[in-house]
Structure formats: structure tokens, C-alpha cells
Amino acid sequence: MPKLTVEFNDKMNDILEQLANDKGTTKVDVLRRAVALYKYLDSEQKEGENQKVSITQNNKVVKDIVLP
């Protein structure tokens, strides 16, 4: 299995650590999930079209994230 070395500034490391703690997992697992999500979103996006991901709560859209 390939091994990577990644450097983050303190703020990004704190965010990563907080996400891992909140989910009861490791920073490495958070990064794996982030890459998997990015890959999925990238594969679903149509070339040259702006698309959006909607965050819903109780079947109501609370936020749209526009993908460039």
C-alpha cells in the first residue's frame, strides 16, 4: 500500500482532528472519506455545466453547494 506524507497548517490540522474526534475515527479515515466523496462528486458532474449538491433537513433544502 502506498504511503503519503502530507503537511497541513495548524488550522487545517485542527479541523481534521475535530472531524475525526466528532466521528470517533482517525484523521486518515477522514481523509479517505473526503477523497471518496470528491471522486463521487467529480464523476457525477457533467463537463462544462455548473451543478449543485443540496443539503436537506426534513425534506427541505437548507443549503445548496454549487460545483464549478
C-alpha atoms as a PDB file:
ATOM      1  CA  MET A   1       0.000   0.000   0.000  1.00  0.00           C
ATOM      2  CA  PRO A   2       1.454   3.395  -0.971  1.00  0.00           C
ATOM      3  CA  LYS A   3       2.283   5.782   1.843  1.00  0.00           C
ATOM      4  CA  LEU A   4       1.893   9.564   1.540  1.00  0.00           C
ATOM      5  CA  THR A   5       3.300  12.369   3.617  1.00  0.00           C
ATOM      6  CA  VAL A   6       1.064  15.433   3.794  1.00  0.00           C
ATOM      7  CA  GLU A   7       1.749  18.714   5.556  1.00  0.00           C
ATOM      8  CA  PHE A   8      -1.116  20.828   6.901  1.00  0.00           C
ATOM      9  CA  ASN A   9      -1.030  24.169   8.641  1.00  0.00           C
ATOM     10  CA  ASP A  10      -2.208  24.252  12.260  1.00  0.00           C
ATOM     11  CA  LYS A  11      -5.735  25.395  11.388  1.00  0.00           C
ATOM     12  CA  MET A  12      -6.286  22.608   8.854  1.00  0.00           C
ATOM     13  CA  ASN A  13      -4.845  20.030  11.247  1.00  0.00           C
ATOM     14  CA  ASP A  14      -7.205  21.237  13.986  1.00  0.00           C
ATOM     15  CA  ILE A  15     -10.184  20.913  11.627  1.00  0.00           C
ATOM     16  CA  LEU A  16      -9.112  17.419  10.613  1.00  0.00           C
ATOM     17  CA  GLU A  17      -8.605  16.395  14.236  1.00  0.00           C
ATOM     18  CA  GLN A  18     -12.013  17.779  15.253  1.00  0.00           C
ATOM     19  CA  LEU A  19     -13.752  15.914  12.424  1.00  0.00           C
ATOM     20  CA  ALA A  20     -12.037  12.684  13.439  1.00  0.00           C
ATOM     21  CA  ASN A  21     -12.960  13.170  17.109  1.00  0.00           C
ATOM     22  CA  ASP A  22     -16.573  14.004  16.260  1.00  0.00           C
ATOM     23  CA  LYS A  23     -16.907  10.812  14.220  1.00  0.00           C
ATOM     24  CA  GLY A  24     -14.865   8.622  16.565  1.00  0.00           C
ATOM     25  CA  THR A  25     -12.385   7.787  13.843  1.00  0.00           C
ATOM     26  CA  THR A  26      -8.900   8.719  12.664  1.00  0.00           C
ATOM     27  CA  LYS A  27      -7.631  11.644  10.626  1.00  0.00           C
ATOM     28  CA  VAL A  28      -6.566   9.170   7.938  1.00  0.00           C
ATOM     29  CA  ASP A  29     -10.122   7.834   7.713  1.00  0.00           C
ATOM     30  CA  VAL A  30     -11.493  11.374   7.405  1.00  0.00           C
ATOM     31  CA  LEU A  31      -9.097  11.985   4.518  1.00  0.00           C
ATOM     32  CA  ARG A  32     -10.091   8.714   2.846  1.00  0.00           C
ATOM     33  CA  ARG A  33     -13.766   9.653   3.095  1.00  0.00           C
ATOM     34  CA  ALA A  34     -13.048  13.130   1.720  1.00  0.00           C
ATOM     35  CA  VAL A  35     -11.230  11.698  -1.303  1.00  0.00           C
ATOM     36  CA  ALA A  36     -14.032   9.187  -1.922  1.00  0.00           C
ATOM     37  CA  LEU A  37     -16.633  11.974  -1.758  1.00  0.00           C
ATOM     38  CA  TYR A  38     -14.592  14.166  -4.101  1.00  0.00           C
ATOM     39  CA  LYS A  39     -14.242  11.287  -6.566  1.00  0.00           C
ATOM     40  CA  TYR A  40     -18.011  10.657  -6.497  1.00  0.00           C
ATOM     41  CA  LEU A  41     -18.912  14.327  -6.987  1.00  0.00           C
ATOM     42  CA  ASP A  42     -16.370  14.662  -9.782  1.00  0.00           C
ATOM     43  CA  SER A  43     -17.715  11.584 -11.568  1.00  0.00           C
ATOM     44  CA  GLU A  44     -21.307  12.869 -11.353  1.00  0.00           C
ATOM     45  CA  GLN A  45     -20.544  16.345 -12.666  1.00  0.00           C
ATOM     46  CA  LYS A  46     -21.175  16.926 -16.344  1.00  0.00           C
ATOM     47  CA  GLU A  47     -18.416  18.636 -18.323  1.00  0.00           C
ATOM     48  CA  GLY A  48     -18.932  22.372 -18.694  1.00  0.00           C
ATOM     49  CA  GLU A  49     -22.051  22.532 -16.524  1.00  0.00           C
ATOM     50  CA  ASN A  50     -22.450  24.083 -13.102  1.00  0.00           C
ATOM     51  CA  GLN A  51     -24.265  21.656 -10.854  1.00  0.00           C
ATOM     52  CA  LYS A  52     -25.201  21.762  -7.212  1.00  0.00           C
ATOM     53  CA  VAL A  53     -25.389  19.480  -4.217  1.00  0.00           C
ATOM     54  CA  SER A  54     -28.345  20.167  -1.932  1.00  0.00           C
ATOM     55  CA  ILE A  55     -28.253  19.667   1.827  1.00  0.00           C
ATOM     56  CA  THR A  56     -31.692  18.832   3.159  1.00  0.00           C
ATOM     57  CA  GLN A  57     -33.271  18.621   6.579  1.00  0.00           C
ATOM     58  CA  ASN A  58     -36.760  17.163   6.997  1.00  0.00           C
ATOM     59  CA  ASN A  59     -37.094  17.089   3.190  1.00  0.00           C
ATOM     60  CA  LYS A  60     -36.396  20.829   2.921  1.00  0.00           C
ATOM     61  CA  VAL A  61     -33.319  22.244   1.230  1.00  0.00           C
ATOM     62  CA  VAL A  62     -31.250  24.171   3.769  1.00  0.00           C
ATOM     63  CA  LYS A  63     -28.176  24.773   1.618  1.00  0.00           C
ATOM     64  CA  ASP A  64     -27.044  24.383  -1.967  1.00  0.00           C
ATOM     65  CA  ILE A  65     -23.386  23.912  -2.820  1.00  0.00           C
ATOM     66  CA  VAL A  66     -22.644  24.931  -6.399  1.00  0.00           C
ATOM     67  CA  LEU A  67     -19.939  22.889  -8.103  1.00  0.00           C
ATOM     68  CA  PRO A  68     -17.944  24.955 -10.608  1.00  0.00           C
END
